[in-house]
Amino acid sequence: MDQNIFQTNSRCHREIETPQKIQRQTSLVTGNTKLNSRIFRKGSRISISKHNFVMAWGGLGDLLGYMASIVWIAKTYKHIEGTVHCLDFFSSIARNLLKDFPKWHVELITCQHPMVEIAEQTAPLGYFTWQSLGFVTACKHRVIPLAEGMHMVDAGFTYFLQQNPPPPEGNFLPELDLSEVKVLELPKRYAVMTPATNVDGLRKLPSVTFNEIKKHFLKRGITPVFIGKAHEKGHFYFPKEYDYEGGIDLRNKTSILEAAKIIQGAQCIVGLDNGLLHLAACTGAVPIVFGYNIVAPEHRRPRRREGLTLDVHPNPEELTCTFCRSRMRMVNDLQSSHCIYADLKCLEVLSDLALWTEKIDLALNETNENP
């Protein structure tokens, strides 16, 4: 066996440039050595102890799901020295989750095409070869389609370990340590609402529904707290029709860890499929009222060790096109204008306030019974 192909120095990228060498490297990795958790065992045919794990794509919820596999690797294989390469917005989360593992490090992805500089230092399992984003590396023939109907936790184990389903002890979102995070003092009883949505409005609660949910909290003596961040390029924004009066408006005013700390102390958190709902699942047992429209619960429902998660979605029997992305969870085309029915009835159904208030009341009752 040519051991040079497993070296993590700059020769790795250059020595497997030809198609023949790429094919040889691919067959060695996917054939005799089986890419699953056993490759991390000492004495295995891939005995490198240093590995890079590149997460160059995805939103907050996706990256939290991928981190489940990385935290499990850090806990299970003590001899591994790992480096997680991630985008800046996620770096504080990654460092928090890995702070108890001194052999692990977090590096920011700063270049336009990160694999150009990272590929030369990366062992064969840690590549992120998402070709649609232009990341072409020495392992370009080993693209693993994370997109095809897969939960984010499954995607992490599939990509980094070639192991699915995940091991039972690793099949949960990791939990953040927020003991040292300081936030402003809030009312004793408050609930978090997540008003940010994407530009195309695919995950946008109808304004009437959002405003009525806010009023429902106020009637129950719960102060709504609004958390979220608009993207500097306008990819995420706050709808102008939403009414924040009577609540505490913390939009664009918290770091991601501060947002997590606020969520941790809430009576519940409510929203339509967004990263803060997945972040809530990493903070403990706060009840989550999770809305779905274009994505099925089996693909997005947070996997958590404790706490109540209540699903809000259209009845599939009444709306035949519900979960139009259930077979391909992440598609390249996210434009609502391309809905084949041209009506987005899934959002129309979610305007029914009763769907939300029923689950919100269950969440509040859970908090009252288990303060």
Foldseek 3Di string as FASTA:
>chain_A
DPCVCQAQALVNQVVLPDPVSLVVVVCVCCPPQNQALVLLDDPGPNRDQEAEAEDEDDDLLLVLLLVLVVLVSVVPRLSHQYEYEYAPLCQVVSCQSCVVRVSYYYHYQDDQQSCVVNVSRHGVQRDAQPPVSPNDGSNNVPHDPLFFQAASNQSNNCRRRVDPPDDPVSNARAAGDLVPPDDDDDDQAAEEEEQKDFPQCLFHAPQVLQQVVCVVCVVVVHAYEYEDEADPVRRIDGDPSHDNPRHHYCYVPDRPSNLLVVLLSYLAYEGEQDSSLLSVLNHPAQEYEYEYFQADCVRRPHGHPHYHYHYFWDDCVVPVCGNVCNRGRDDPDPHLCVDVVNPSVRSVVSSPNVSVVVVVVVSNVVSVVPD
